[in-house]
């Protein structure tokens, strides 16, 4: 706020909001123990973050009640291990505002290994909203020596609304196997060097373009 005392008083406001609810915080519901949430503005600045103290809680944004420049921004949900499990990207025509309320829907991940443990089947719930991408670490890869690996898409049977990127994270991050509207756009990743131990993961980020 700027005050010109030489003549008439005039004011300049930043983050001005008129609301029927308390605009000093954003409320969240549906969280599980150990999860956390981060609010980022469209300029890449962290507005605020917190570990979820309970299933429902509020995050104060009093310093930036109209996040960033008033458009865009994102909300990152992290699993107890600190890895992102969901990212809400707010459309450029919208904004994250103090007083907003968000609810998180979660589902269990089911994993079954083949008889010789050389294969696995993973079942997860994927977001049915295109602004919210579900992110999951599908598999941890153990390496007792320096190895190089890539992922190759063998086959696919997917609904036309499915969009996904799958990649391998080791010493570096590979390019992605990409699926757009149920059809593969790229069917393999680049080759990456694996880290020693368990610090290698196969990662999926995905959403349905229509609720499914």
N, C-alpha and C. Protein backbone atom coordinates (compact mmCIF):
# COMPACT_ATOMS: atom_id res chain seq x y z
N UNK A 1 0.85 -1.18 0.00
CA UNK A 1 0.00 0.00 0.00
C UNK A 1 0.89 1.24 0.00
N UNK A 2 0.57 2.21 -0.86
CA UNK A 2 1.33 3.45 -0.95
C UNK A 2 0.45 4.62 -0.54
N UNK A 3 0.98 5.53 0.30
CA UNK A 3 0.24 6.72 0.73
C UNK A 3 1.00 7.95 0.26
N UNK A 4 0.34 8.81 -0.49
CA UNK A 4 0.91 10.07 -0.94
C UNK A 4 0.39 11.17 -0.01
N UNK A 5 1.27 11.69 0.86
CA UNK A 5 0.84 12.66 1.88
C UNK A 5 0.92 14.10 1.37
N UNK A 6 1.45 14.30 0.16
CA UNK A 6 1.65 15.65 -0.34
C UNK A 6 0.33 16.31 -0.72
N UNK A 7 -0.62 15.55 -1.16
CA UNK A 7 -1.90 16.12 -1.59
C UNK A 7 -3.01 15.21 -1.09
N UNK A 8 -3.86 14.75 -2.01
CA UNK A 8 -4.92 13.83 -1.61
C UNK A 8 -4.32 12.46 -1.30
N UNK A 9 -5.00 11.75 -0.42
CA UNK A 9 -4.59 10.38 -0.13
C UNK A 9 -5.04 9.45 -1.24
N UNK A 10 -4.15 8.54 -1.64
CA UNK A 10 -4.54 7.52 -2.60
C UNK A 10 -3.86 6.22 -2.21
N UNK A 11 -4.46 5.13 -2.62
CA UNK A 11 -4.02 3.81 -2.16
C UNK A 11 -3.79 2.89 -3.36
N UNK A 12 -2.78 2.03 -3.22
CA UNK A 12 -2.54 0.98 -4.20
C UNK A 12 -2.54 -0.35 -3.45
N UNK A 13 -3.41 -1.26 -3.88
CA UNK A 13 -3.53 -2.54 -3.18
C UNK A 13 -2.97 -3.67 -4.04
N UNK A 14 -2.38 -4.64 -3.38
CA UNK A 14 -1.95 -5.88 -4.02
C UNK A 14 -2.57 -7.01 -3.22
N UNK A 15 -3.10 -8.03 -3.92
CA UNK A 15 -3.81 -9.13 -3.25
C UNK A 15 -5.07 -8.63 -2.55
N UNK A 16 -5.89 -7.90 -3.27
CA UNK A 16 -7.15 -7.40 -2.73
C UNK A 16 -8.25 -8.41 -3.05
N UNK A 17 -9.01 -8.83 -2.05
CA UNK A 17 -10.04 -9.84 -2.26
C UNK A 17 -11.25 -9.51 -1.39
N UNK A 18 -12.44 -9.68 -1.97
CA UNK A 18 -13.69 -9.56 -1.24
C UNK A 18 -14.32 -10.95 -1.23
N UNK A 19 -14.63 -11.46 -0.06
CA UNK A 19 -15.04 -12.86 0.05
C UNK A 19 -16.11 -13.04 1.10
N UNK A 20 -16.95 -14.06 0.91
CA UNK A 20 -17.95 -14.42 1.91
C UNK A 20 -17.39 -15.40 2.94
N UNK A 21 -16.12 -15.85 2.74
CA UNK A 21 -15.46 -16.74 3.70
C UNK A 21 -14.14 -16.11 4.11
N UNK A 22 -13.50 -16.67 5.11
CA UNK A 22 -12.23 -16.15 5.61
C UNK A 22 -11.15 -16.37 4.55
N UNK A 23 -10.58 -15.30 3.96
CA UNK A 23 -9.61 -15.47 2.87
C UNK A 23 -8.17 -15.66 3.34
N UNK A 24 -7.96 -15.81 4.63
CA UNK A 24 -6.60 -15.92 5.13
C UNK A 24 -6.01 -17.31 5.01
N UNK A 25 -6.82 -18.30 4.65
CA UNK A 25 -6.32 -19.67 4.56
C UNK A 25 -7.07 -20.45 3.51
N UNK A 26 -6.49 -21.57 3.11
CA UNK A 26 -7.10 -22.53 2.20
C UNK A 26 -7.35 -23.81 2.99
N UNK A 27 -8.50 -24.42 2.83
CA UNK A 27 -8.83 -25.62 3.59
C UNK A 27 -8.69 -26.87 2.74
N UNK A 28 -8.28 -27.96 3.40
CA UNK A 28 -8.06 -29.25 2.73
C UNK A 28 -8.74 -30.35 3.54
N UNK A 29 -9.23 -31.37 2.84
CA UNK A 29 -9.87 -32.51 3.50
C UNK A 29 -9.52 -33.79 2.75
N UNK A 30 -9.62 -34.92 3.43
CA UNK A 30 -9.39 -36.22 2.81
C UNK A 30 -7.96 -36.69 2.87
N UNK A 31 -7.12 -36.09 3.71
CA UNK A 31 -5.71 -36.48 3.79
C UNK A 31 -5.51 -37.62 4.78
N UNK A 32 -4.42 -38.37 4.55
CA UNK A 32 -4.05 -39.46 5.44
C UNK A 32 -2.78 -39.09 6.21
N UNK A 33 -2.53 -39.82 7.29
CA UNK A 33 -1.38 -39.53 8.13
C UNK A 33 -0.07 -39.55 7.36
N UNK A 34 0.78 -38.56 7.62
CA UNK A 34 2.09 -38.51 6.99
C UNK A 34 2.12 -37.78 5.67
N UNK A 35 0.96 -37.48 5.08
CA UNK A 35 0.93 -36.76 3.82
C UNK A 35 1.17 -35.28 4.06
N UNK A 36 1.49 -34.55 3.00
CA UNK A 36 1.72 -33.11 3.12
C UNK A 36 1.20 -32.41 1.86
N UNK A 37 1.11 -31.08 1.95
CA UNK A 37 0.60 -30.30 0.82
C UNK A 37 1.44 -29.04 0.67
N UNK A 38 1.66 -28.63 -0.58
CA UNK A 38 2.39 -27.40 -0.90
C UNK A 38 1.55 -26.56 -1.85
N UNK A 39 1.54 -25.24 -1.66
CA UNK A 39 0.88 -24.32 -2.57
C UNK A 39 1.96 -23.47 -3.24
N UNK A 40 2.01 -23.51 -4.58
CA UNK A 40 2.99 -22.79 -5.37
C UNK A 40 2.28 -21.76 -6.25
N UNK A 41 2.90 -20.60 -6.44
CA UNK A 41 2.31 -19.63 -7.36
C UNK A 41 2.82 -19.86 -8.77
N UNK A 42 2.30 -19.09 -9.73
CA UNK A 42 2.64 -19.30 -11.13
C UNK A 42 4.05 -18.82 -11.46
N UNK A 43 4.72 -18.17 -10.52
CA UNK A 43 6.09 -17.72 -10.72
C UNK A 43 7.10 -18.71 -10.16
N UNK A 44 6.61 -19.84 -9.63
CA UNK A 44 7.49 -20.86 -9.08
C UNK A 44 7.90 -20.61 -7.64
N UNK A 45 7.17 -19.75 -6.92
CA UNK A 45 7.46 -19.46 -5.52
C UNK A 45 6.56 -20.29 -4.61
N UNK A 46 7.14 -20.86 -3.56
CA UNK A 46 6.36 -21.60 -2.58
C UNK A 46 5.63 -20.62 -1.68
N UNK A 47 4.28 -20.66 -1.70
CA UNK A 47 3.47 -19.77 -0.88
C UNK A 47 3.43 -20.27 0.56
N UNK A 48 3.16 -21.57 0.74
CA UNK A 48 3.16 -22.17 2.07
C UNK A 48 3.04 -23.68 1.91
N UNK A 49 3.41 -24.40 2.96
CA UNK A 49 3.32 -25.86 2.95
C UNK A 49 3.15 -26.36 4.37
N UNK A 50 2.64 -27.58 4.51
CA UNK A 50 2.47 -28.15 5.83
C UNK A 50 2.32 -29.67 5.73
N UNK A 51 2.75 -30.37 6.77
CA UNK A 51 2.40 -31.77 6.93
C UNK A 51 0.99 -31.83 7.51
N UNK A 52 0.14 -32.69 6.93
CA UNK A 52 -1.25 -32.74 7.35
C UNK A 52 -1.35 -33.16 8.82
N UNK A 53 -1.86 -32.28 9.70
CA UNK A 53 -1.98 -32.65 11.13
C UNK A 53 -3.16 -33.57 11.38
N UNK A 54 -4.11 -33.61 10.44
CA UNK A 54 -5.29 -34.47 10.55
C UNK A 54 -5.87 -34.63 9.16
N UNK A 55 -6.99 -35.32 9.04
CA UNK A 55 -7.58 -35.53 7.72
C UNK A 55 -8.09 -34.23 7.11
N UNK A 56 -8.50 -33.27 7.96
CA UNK A 56 -8.95 -31.96 7.50
C UNK A 56 -8.16 -30.88 8.22
N UNK A 57 -7.73 -29.86 7.48
CA UNK A 57 -6.90 -28.82 8.08
C UNK A 57 -6.91 -27.60 7.16
N UNK A 58 -6.31 -26.51 7.64
CA UNK A 58 -6.20 -25.28 6.86
C UNK A 58 -4.74 -24.88 6.72
N UNK A 59 -4.42 -24.25 5.60
CA UNK A 59 -3.07 -23.75 5.34
C UNK A 59 -3.17 -22.24 5.14
N UNK A 60 -2.47 -21.48 5.96
CA UNK A 60 -2.56 -20.03 5.91
C UNK A 60 -1.83 -19.47 4.69
N UNK A 61 -2.50 -18.56 3.98
CA UNK A 61 -1.91 -17.90 2.82
C UNK A 61 -2.11 -16.39 2.94
N UNK A 62 -2.08 -15.90 4.18
CA UNK A 62 -2.42 -14.50 4.42
C UNK A 62 -1.47 -13.55 3.71
N UNK A 63 -0.23 -13.98 3.44
CA UNK A 63 0.72 -13.11 2.74
C UNK A 63 0.47 -13.07 1.24
N UNK A 64 -0.36 -14.00 0.74
CA UNK A 64 -0.58 -14.07 -0.71
C UNK A 64 -1.96 -14.65 -0.96
N UNK A 65 -3.01 -13.94 -0.52
CA UNK A 65 -4.37 -14.48 -0.59
C UNK A 65 -4.84 -14.66 -2.02
N UNK A 66 -4.29 -13.88 -2.97
CA UNK A 66 -4.48 -14.15 -4.40
C UNK A 66 -3.14 -14.66 -4.89
N UNK A 67 -3.02 -15.97 -4.99
CA UNK A 67 -1.71 -16.59 -5.17
C UNK A 67 -1.04 -16.10 -6.46
N UNK A 68 0.22 -15.69 -6.34
CA UNK A 68 0.98 -15.24 -7.49
C UNK A 68 0.42 -13.97 -8.09
N UNK A 69 0.24 -13.97 -9.40
CA UNK A 69 -0.30 -12.80 -10.10
C UNK A 69 -1.80 -12.90 -10.29
N UNK A 70 -2.44 -13.85 -9.61
CA UNK A 70 -3.89 -13.99 -9.69
C UNK A 70 -4.35 -14.97 -10.74
N UNK A 71 -3.43 -15.64 -11.42
CA UNK A 71 -3.79 -16.69 -12.37
C UNK A 71 -2.84 -17.86 -12.17
N UNK A 72 -3.28 -19.03 -12.63
CA UNK A 72 -2.42 -20.20 -12.63
C UNK A 72 -2.05 -20.62 -11.21
N UNK A 73 -0.90 -21.26 -11.02
CA UNK A 73 -0.50 -21.80 -9.72
C UNK A 73 -0.76 -23.30 -9.66
N UNK A 74 -0.24 -23.94 -8.62
CA UNK A 74 -0.42 -25.40 -8.48
C UNK A 74 -0.40 -25.79 -7.01
N UNK A 75 -1.04 -26.91 -6.74
CA UNK A 75 -1.04 -27.51 -5.41
C UNK A 75 -0.43 -28.90 -5.53
N UNK A 76 0.60 -29.17 -4.74
CA UNK A 76 1.31 -30.45 -4.79
C UNK A 76 1.00 -31.24 -3.53
N UNK A 77 0.53 -32.46 -3.71
CA UNK A 77 0.26 -33.37 -2.59
C UNK A 77 1.39 -34.40 -2.55
N UNK A 78 1.97 -34.61 -1.37
CA UNK A 78 3.08 -35.55 -1.25
C UNK A 78 2.72 -36.70 -0.32
N UNK A 79 3.24 -37.88 -0.67
CA UNK A 79 3.04 -39.07 0.14
C UNK A 79 3.93 -39.01 1.38
N UNK A 80 3.73 -39.92 2.34
CA UNK A 80 4.56 -39.90 3.55
C UNK A 80 6.06 -40.01 3.28
N UNK A 81 6.47 -40.63 2.16
CA UNK A 81 7.90 -40.73 1.86
C UNK A 81 8.44 -39.47 1.19
N UNK A 82 7.59 -38.44 1.05
CA UNK A 82 8.02 -37.18 0.47
C UNK A 82 7.90 -37.10 -1.03
N UNK A 83 7.48 -38.20 -1.68
CA UNK A 83 7.38 -38.18 -3.14
C UNK A 83 6.00 -37.65 -3.55
N UNK A 84 5.93 -36.78 -4.56
CA UNK A 84 4.61 -36.28 -4.99
C UNK A 84 3.68 -37.40 -5.42
N UNK A 85 2.42 -37.36 -4.96
CA UNK A 85 1.44 -38.35 -5.39
C UNK A 85 0.28 -37.68 -6.12
N UNK A 86 0.32 -36.38 -6.27
CA UNK A 86 -0.71 -35.68 -7.02
C UNK A 86 -0.36 -34.22 -7.19
N UNK A 87 -0.63 -33.68 -8.37
CA UNK A 87 -0.36 -32.26 -8.64
C UNK A 87 -1.60 -31.66 -9.29
N UNK A 88 -2.18 -30.64 -8.66
CA UNK A 88 -3.30 -29.90 -9.22
C UNK A 88 -2.76 -28.64 -9.88
N UNK A 89 -2.89 -28.56 -11.20
CA UNK A 89 -2.46 -27.38 -11.94
C UNK A 89 -3.69 -26.55 -12.24
N UNK A 90 -3.76 -25.36 -11.69
CA UNK A 90 -4.92 -24.50 -11.87
C UNK A 90 -4.87 -23.88 -13.25
N UNK A 91 -5.96 -23.94 -14.02
CA UNK A 91 -5.95 -23.37 -15.37
C UNK A 91 -5.58 -21.90 -15.36
N UNK A 92 -4.99 -21.44 -16.46
CA UNK A 92 -4.51 -20.06 -16.53
C UNK A 92 -5.64 -19.06 -16.43
N UNK A 93 -6.87 -19.51 -16.68
CA UNK A 93 -8.03 -18.61 -16.57
C UNK A 93 -8.58 -18.55 -15.15
N UNK A 94 -7.97 -19.29 -14.22
CA UNK A 94 -8.47 -19.37 -12.85
C UNK A 94 -7.34 -18.99 -11.89
N UNK A 95 -7.61 -19.07 -10.60
CA UNK A 95 -6.62 -18.71 -9.59
C UNK A 95 -6.85 -19.52 -8.33
N UNK A 96 -5.79 -19.68 -7.54
CA UNK A 96 -5.90 -20.21 -6.19
C UNK A 96 -6.12 -19.03 -5.26
N UNK A 97 -7.22 -19.05 -4.52
CA UNK A 97 -7.58 -17.91 -3.69
C UNK A 97 -7.72 -18.33 -2.23
N UNK A 98 -7.37 -17.41 -1.32
CA UNK A 98 -7.68 -17.63 0.08
C UNK A 98 -9.17 -17.84 0.25
N UNK A 99 -9.55 -18.83 1.05
CA UNK A 99 -10.95 -19.19 1.22
C UNK A 99 -11.36 -20.39 0.40
N UNK A 100 -10.51 -20.81 -0.56
CA UNK A 100 -10.82 -22.00 -1.35
C UNK A 100 -10.83 -23.25 -0.47
N UNK A 101 -11.58 -24.28 -0.91
CA UNK A 101 -11.64 -25.56 -0.20
C UNK A 101 -11.36 -26.67 -1.20
N UNK A 102 -10.47 -27.59 -0.85
CA UNK A 102 -10.10 -28.70 -1.71
C UNK A 102 -10.26 -30.01 -0.94
N UNK A 103 -10.68 -31.05 -1.67
CA UNK A 103 -10.86 -32.36 -1.06
C UNK A 103 -10.08 -33.39 -1.87
N UNK A 104 -9.34 -34.26 -1.20
CA UNK A 104 -8.50 -35.27 -1.84
C UNK A 104 -9.18 -36.64 -1.74
N UNK A 105 -9.33 -37.31 -2.89
CA UNK A 105 -9.85 -38.68 -2.91
C UNK A 105 -8.68 -39.63 -3.15
N UNK A 106 -8.54 -40.65 -2.32
CA UNK A 106 -7.43 -41.58 -2.42
C UNK A 106 -7.93 -43.02 -2.57
N UNK A 107 -7.06 -43.87 -3.08
CA UNK A 107 -7.38 -45.29 -3.23
C UNK A 107 -6.14 -46.12 -2.98
N UNK A 108 -6.33 -47.36 -2.64
CA UNK A 108 -5.20 -48.25 -2.32
C UNK A 108 -4.47 -48.67 -3.59
N UNK A 109 -3.18 -48.96 -3.44
CA UNK A 109 -2.37 -49.52 -4.52
C UNK A 109 -2.20 -51.00 -4.27
N UNK A 110 -2.55 -51.84 -5.25
CA UNK A 110 -2.44 -53.29 -5.12
C UNK A 110 -1.32 -53.80 -6.03
N UNK A 111 -0.42 -54.59 -5.49
CA UNK A 111 0.71 -55.13 -6.25
C UNK A 111 0.76 -56.63 -6.09
N UNK A 112 0.89 -57.35 -7.20
CA UNK A 112 1.08 -58.80 -7.15
C UNK A 112 2.26 -59.17 -8.03
N UNK A 113 3.14 -60.01 -7.50
CA UNK A 113 4.33 -60.45 -8.22
C UNK A 113 4.08 -61.78 -8.91
N UNK A 114 4.74 -61.96 -10.06
CA UNK A 114 4.65 -63.23 -10.76
C UNK A 114 5.35 -64.33 -9.97
N UNK A 115 5.14 -65.58 -10.39
CA UNK A 115 5.66 -66.74 -9.65
C UNK A 115 7.17 -66.68 -9.48
N UNK A 116 7.88 -66.24 -10.51
CA UNK A 116 9.35 -66.17 -10.43
C UNK A 116 9.85 -64.78 -10.04
N UNK A 117 8.92 -63.89 -9.69
CA UNK A 117 9.23 -62.52 -9.26
C UNK A 117 9.96 -61.72 -10.33
N UNK A 118 9.76 -62.10 -11.57
CA UNK A 118 10.33 -61.34 -12.68
C UNK A 118 9.29 -60.45 -13.34
N UNK A 119 8.07 -60.47 -12.82
CA UNK A 119 7.01 -59.62 -13.35
C UNK A 119 6.12 -59.17 -12.19
N UNK A 120 5.37 -58.11 -12.43
CA UNK A 120 4.46 -57.63 -11.40
C UNK A 120 3.25 -56.98 -12.05
N UNK A 121 2.12 -57.02 -11.37
CA UNK A 121 0.90 -56.33 -11.81
C UNK A 121 0.55 -55.31 -10.74
N UNK A 122 0.35 -54.06 -11.15
CA UNK A 122 0.06 -52.97 -10.22
C UNK A 122 -1.29 -52.37 -10.57
N UNK A 123 -2.17 -52.24 -9.58
CA UNK A 123 -3.47 -51.63 -9.77
C UNK A 123 -3.56 -50.36 -8.92
N UNK A 124 -3.84 -49.22 -9.57
CA UNK A 124 -3.94 -47.96 -8.85
C UNK A 124 -5.17 -47.20 -9.32
N UNK A 125 -5.62 -46.27 -8.50
CA UNK A 125 -6.68 -45.34 -8.88
C UNK A 125 -6.05 -44.12 -9.54
N UNK A 126 -6.64 -43.67 -10.66
CA UNK A 126 -6.12 -42.53 -11.41
C UNK A 126 -7.16 -41.43 -11.43
N UNK A 127 -6.70 -40.21 -11.34
CA UNK A 127 -7.59 -39.05 -11.31
C UNK A 127 -8.48 -38.99 -12.54
N UNK A 128 -9.75 -38.61 -12.33
CA UNK A 128 -10.67 -38.41 -13.42
C UNK A 128 -10.84 -36.94 -13.77
N UNK A 129 -9.88 -36.11 -13.35
CA UNK A 129 -9.94 -34.68 -13.63
C UNK A 129 -8.63 -34.25 -14.27
N UNK A 130 -8.70 -33.70 -15.47
CA UNK A 130 -7.48 -33.38 -16.21
C UNK A 130 -6.57 -32.36 -15.52
N UNK A 131 -7.06 -31.39 -14.73
CA UNK A 131 -6.11 -30.50 -14.05
C UNK A 131 -5.32 -31.20 -12.94
N UNK A 132 -5.83 -32.35 -12.43
CA UNK A 132 -5.15 -33.04 -11.34
C UNK A 132 -4.51 -34.32 -11.87
N UNK A 133 -3.18 -34.38 -11.82
CA UNK A 133 -2.46 -35.57 -12.26
C UNK A 133 -2.14 -36.47 -11.08
N UNK A 134 -2.51 -37.74 -11.17
CA UNK A 134 -2.09 -38.73 -10.19
C UNK A 134 -0.65 -39.13 -10.49
N UNK A 135 0.18 -39.14 -9.45
CA UNK A 135 1.57 -39.57 -9.59
C UNK A 135 1.81 -40.75 -8.67
N UNK A 136 2.48 -41.79 -9.17
CA UNK A 136 2.72 -42.98 -8.35
C UNK A 136 4.08 -43.57 -8.68
N UNK A 137 4.77 -44.00 -7.62
CA UNK A 137 5.99 -44.80 -7.78
C UNK A 137 5.55 -46.25 -7.86
N UNK A 138 5.58 -46.82 -9.08
CA UNK A 138 5.01 -48.15 -9.30
C UNK A 138 5.92 -49.26 -8.80
N UNK A 139 7.21 -49.05 -8.87
CA UNK A 139 8.13 -50.14 -8.56
C UNK A 139 9.49 -49.57 -8.19
N UNK A 140 10.08 -50.09 -7.11
CA UNK A 140 11.45 -49.76 -6.76
C UNK A 140 12.37 -50.84 -7.35
N UNK A 141 13.42 -50.40 -7.98
CA UNK A 141 14.32 -51.32 -8.67
C UNK A 141 15.63 -51.41 -7.89
N UNK A 142 16.01 -52.61 -7.50
CA UNK A 142 17.24 -52.83 -6.76
C UNK A 142 18.39 -53.12 -7.71
N UNK A 143 19.52 -52.46 -7.49
CA UNK A 143 20.69 -52.69 -8.32
C UNK A 143 21.92 -52.83 -7.43
N UNK A 144 22.58 -53.99 -7.50
CA UNK A 144 23.77 -54.23 -6.68
C UNK A 144 25.05 -53.87 -7.42
N UNK A 145 24.93 -53.44 -8.66
CA UNK A 145 26.08 -53.00 -9.44
C UNK A 145 25.61 -51.94 -10.42
N UNK A 146 26.56 -51.27 -11.05
CA UNK A 146 26.20 -50.23 -12.00
C UNK A 146 25.58 -50.87 -13.24
N UNK A 147 24.31 -50.52 -13.50
CA UNK A 147 23.59 -51.06 -14.65
C UNK A 147 22.95 -49.91 -15.42
N UNK A 148 22.61 -50.18 -16.67
CA UNK A 148 21.89 -49.22 -17.51
C UNK A 148 20.59 -49.87 -17.95
N UNK A 149 19.50 -49.10 -17.94
CA UNK A 149 18.19 -49.69 -18.21
C UNK A 149 17.31 -48.70 -18.95
N UNK A 150 16.27 -49.23 -19.59
CA UNK A 150 15.22 -48.40 -20.17
C UNK A 150 13.92 -49.19 -20.10
N UNK A 151 12.80 -48.52 -20.28
CA UNK A 151 11.49 -49.16 -20.30
C UNK A 151 10.99 -49.23 -21.74
N UNK A 152 10.37 -50.35 -22.09
CA UNK A 152 9.79 -50.54 -23.42
C UNK A 152 8.34 -50.96 -23.25
N UNK A 153 7.43 -50.26 -23.91
CA UNK A 153 6.01 -50.59 -23.85
C UNK A 153 5.75 -51.81 -24.72
N UNK A 154 5.33 -52.90 -24.08
CA UNK A 154 5.11 -54.16 -24.80
C UNK A 154 3.76 -54.15 -25.52
N UNK A 155 2.70 -53.77 -24.82
CA UNK A 155 1.37 -53.71 -25.41
C UNK A 155 0.51 -52.81 -24.54
N UNK A 156 -0.63 -52.42 -25.07
CA UNK A 156 -1.51 -51.53 -24.32
C UNK A 156 -2.97 -51.81 -24.68
N UNK A 157 -3.81 -51.80 -23.66
CA UNK A 157 -5.25 -51.84 -23.84
C UNK A 157 -5.82 -50.81 -22.89
N UNK A 158 -6.16 -49.64 -23.43
CA UNK A 158 -6.52 -48.52 -22.58
C UNK A 158 -7.73 -47.79 -23.12
N UNK A 159 -8.56 -47.22 -22.25
CA UNK A 159 -9.69 -46.41 -22.71
C UNK A 159 -9.18 -45.14 -23.39
N UNK A 160 -10.00 -44.59 -24.27
CA UNK A 160 -9.58 -43.43 -25.06
C UNK A 160 -9.39 -42.18 -24.21
N UNK A 161 -9.84 -42.20 -22.96
CA UNK A 161 -9.71 -41.03 -22.10
C UNK A 161 -8.41 -41.04 -21.29
N UNK A 162 -7.61 -42.12 -21.39
CA UNK A 162 -6.40 -42.23 -20.57
C UNK A 162 -5.26 -41.42 -21.15
N UNK A 163 -4.59 -40.64 -20.28
CA UNK A 163 -3.38 -39.90 -20.62
C UNK A 163 -2.34 -40.22 -19.56
N UNK A 164 -1.11 -40.57 -19.98
CA UNK A 164 -0.12 -41.00 -19.00
C UNK A 164 1.30 -40.79 -19.51
N UNK A 165 2.20 -40.58 -18.57
CA UNK A 165 3.64 -40.60 -18.81
C UNK A 165 4.25 -41.58 -17.83
N UNK A 166 5.14 -42.45 -18.31
CA UNK A 166 5.81 -43.45 -17.48
C UNK A 166 7.30 -43.32 -17.73
N UNK A 167 8.10 -43.23 -16.67
CA UNK A 167 9.53 -43.09 -16.87
C UNK A 167 10.30 -43.79 -15.76
N UNK A 168 11.59 -43.89 -15.95
CA UNK A 168 12.50 -44.54 -15.01
C UNK A 168 13.40 -43.50 -14.38
N UNK A 169 13.44 -43.47 -13.07
CA UNK A 169 14.33 -42.56 -12.35
C UNK A 169 15.45 -43.36 -11.71
N UNK A 170 16.67 -43.10 -12.13
CA UNK A 170 17.85 -43.71 -11.54
C UNK A 170 18.85 -42.64 -11.21
N UNK A 171 20.07 -42.76 -11.75
CA UNK A 171 21.08 -41.73 -11.57
C UNK A 171 20.61 -40.43 -12.23
N UNK A 172 19.86 -40.57 -13.32
CA UNK A 172 19.17 -39.45 -13.97
C UNK A 172 17.74 -39.90 -14.28
N UNK A 173 16.94 -38.99 -14.81
CA UNK A 173 15.56 -39.30 -15.20
C UNK A 173 15.51 -39.57 -16.69
N UNK A 174 14.83 -40.64 -17.08
CA UNK A 174 14.70 -40.97 -18.50
C UNK A 174 13.63 -40.11 -19.16
N UNK A 175 13.57 -40.15 -20.47
CA UNK A 175 12.41 -39.62 -21.17
C UNK A 175 11.22 -40.54 -20.88
N UNK A 176 10.03 -40.16 -21.33
CA UNK A 176 8.82 -40.88 -20.92
C UNK A 176 8.22 -41.73 -22.04
N UNK A 177 7.62 -42.84 -21.63
CA UNK A 177 6.62 -43.50 -22.46
C UNK A 177 5.36 -42.66 -22.32
N UNK A 178 4.82 -42.17 -23.42
CA UNK A 178 3.69 -41.24 -23.37
C UNK A 178 2.46 -41.82 -24.04
N UNK A 179 1.33 -41.72 -23.36
CA UNK A 179 0.04 -42.18 -23.88
C UNK A 179 -0.89 -40.99 -23.91
N UNK A 180 -1.45 -40.69 -25.05
CA UNK A 180 -2.40 -39.59 -25.22
C UNK A 180 -3.71 -40.13 -25.75
N UNK A 181 -4.78 -39.85 -25.02
CA UNK A 181 -6.13 -40.30 -25.42
C UNK A 181 -6.15 -41.78 -25.74
N UNK A 182 -5.47 -42.57 -24.92
CA UNK A 182 -5.48 -44.03 -25.05
C UNK A 182 -4.50 -44.59 -26.05
N UNK A 183 -3.79 -43.77 -26.79
CA UNK A 183 -2.86 -44.25 -27.83
C UNK A 183 -1.43 -43.89 -27.45
N UNK A 184 -0.48 -44.84 -27.62
CA UNK A 184 0.92 -44.53 -27.31
C UNK A 184 1.53 -43.56 -28.31
N UNK A 185 2.16 -42.51 -27.81
CA UNK A 185 2.87 -41.54 -28.64
C UNK A 185 4.35 -41.89 -28.71
N UNK A 186 4.93 -42.31 -27.59
CA UNK A 186 6.29 -42.83 -27.56
C UNK A 186 6.27 -44.14 -26.78
N UNK A 187 6.89 -45.18 -27.30
CA UNK A 187 6.75 -46.53 -26.75
C UNK A 187 7.96 -46.99 -25.95
N UNK A 188 8.94 -46.13 -25.75
CA UNK A 188 10.10 -46.51 -24.95
C UNK A 188 10.72 -45.27 -24.33
N UNK A 189 11.52 -45.50 -23.31
CA UNK A 189 12.23 -44.40 -22.67
C UNK A 189 13.68 -44.38 -23.14
N UNK A 190 14.38 -43.33 -22.77
CA UNK A 190 15.82 -43.31 -23.00
C UNK A 190 16.52 -44.22 -21.99
N UNK A 191 17.78 -44.49 -22.21
CA UNK A 191 18.55 -45.33 -21.31
C UNK A 191 19.12 -44.48 -20.18
N UNK A 192 18.97 -44.98 -18.94
CA UNK A 192 19.53 -44.28 -17.78
C UNK A 192 20.40 -45.24 -16.98
N UNK A 193 21.35 -44.68 -16.26
CA UNK A 193 22.17 -45.47 -15.35
C UNK A 193 21.46 -45.60 -14.02
N UNK A 194 21.42 -46.81 -13.46
CA UNK A 194 20.77 -47.04 -12.19
C UNK A 194 21.70 -46.73 -11.03
N UNK A 195 21.12 -46.24 -9.94
CA UNK A 195 21.88 -46.07 -8.72
C UNK A 195 22.09 -47.40 -8.02
N UNK A 196 23.12 -47.49 -7.23
CA UNK A 196 23.31 -48.68 -6.41
C UNK A 196 22.26 -48.70 -5.31
N UNK A 197 21.74 -49.88 -4.99
CA UNK A 197 20.73 -50.00 -3.95
C UNK A 197 19.33 -49.85 -4.51
N UNK A 198 18.42 -49.34 -3.66
CA UNK A 198 17.00 -49.27 -4.00
C UNK A 198 16.55 -47.91 -4.50
N UNK A 199 17.47 -47.01 -4.72
CA UNK A 199 17.10 -45.64 -5.08
C UNK A 199 16.85 -45.52 -6.59
N UNK A 200 16.03 -46.41 -7.12
CA UNK A 200 15.60 -46.38 -8.52
C UNK A 200 14.11 -46.68 -8.56
N UNK A 201 13.35 -45.94 -9.37
CA UNK A 201 11.90 -46.11 -9.37
C UNK A 201 11.34 -46.00 -10.77
N UNK A 202 10.26 -46.73 -11.00
CA UNK A 202 9.43 -46.54 -12.19
C UNK A 202 8.26 -45.66 -11.77
N UNK A 203 8.11 -44.50 -12.45
CA UNK A 203 7.15 -43.48 -12.04
C UNK A 203 6.08 -43.32 -13.11
N UNK A 204 4.84 -43.17 -12.67
CA UNK A 204 3.72 -42.90 -13.57
C UNK A 204 3.02 -41.63 -13.12
N UNK A 205 2.70 -40.77 -14.07
CA UNK A 205 1.80 -39.65 -13.80
C UNK A 205 0.70 -39.71 -14.84
N UNK A 206 -0.56 -39.60 -14.41
CA UNK A 206 -1.65 -39.92 -15.32
C UNK A 206 -2.95 -39.26 -14.89
N UNK A 207 -3.89 -39.16 -15.85
CA UNK A 207 -5.24 -38.70 -15.57
C UNK A 207 -6.16 -39.17 -16.70
N UNK A 208 -7.44 -39.20 -16.41
CA UNK A 208 -8.46 -39.42 -17.44
C UNK A 208 -9.00 -38.08 -17.88
N UNK A 209 -9.11 -37.87 -19.18
CA UNK A 209 -9.64 -36.61 -19.67
C UNK A 209 -11.14 -36.50 -19.42
N UNK A 210 -11.78 -37.61 -19.07
CA UNK A 210 -13.17 -37.62 -18.63
C UNK A 210 -13.26 -38.53 -17.41
N UNK A 211 -14.12 -38.22 -16.48
CA UNK A 211 -14.23 -39.02 -15.26
C UNK A 211 -14.45 -40.48 -15.58
N UNK A 212 -13.63 -41.34 -14.98
CA UNK A 212 -13.71 -42.77 -15.26
C UNK A 212 -13.16 -43.55 -14.07
